[in-house]
Amino acid sequence: MAKHGGYRPGSGRPKGSKNRKNKSGQIVPKKSETPDNRDKSKLLPLDYMLNVMNDPTASRSRRDRMAISAAKYIHPLGDRNKKLDRAERAKKAGAGKFATGKSPRVVPFNRER
């Protein structure tokens, strides 16, 4: 006896069976076939967040969460590399009166053997 999945005789939807109907007799489409799901599946995540953020029917807390999530993609905090910024600040700090002096002159010592 199969434990999971696979073919089993007599299982599944019978051939020729009709689609589900609601109480008024209309055929109910599958969830994946509804217009809302089709339109949303083609959206990029950022577009979806912006749509929810601008939707007046969405709850205020959900709109706030979407705004916070989308903000990091629209308004990046750091455009530059931290290492480059740190190196530039170190170069500025080491200029002027705090600049490094000349290295001492090294004279080779000649020994006679």
Foldseek 3Di string as FASTA:
>chain_A
DDDDDDDDPPDDDDPPDDADADPVGDHDDDPCPDPVNVVVVPDDPLVVLVVLLPDPVHDPVSNVVSCVVNCCVVPPDDPDDPVVVVVVVVVVVCDDPNPDDDDDDDDDDDDDD
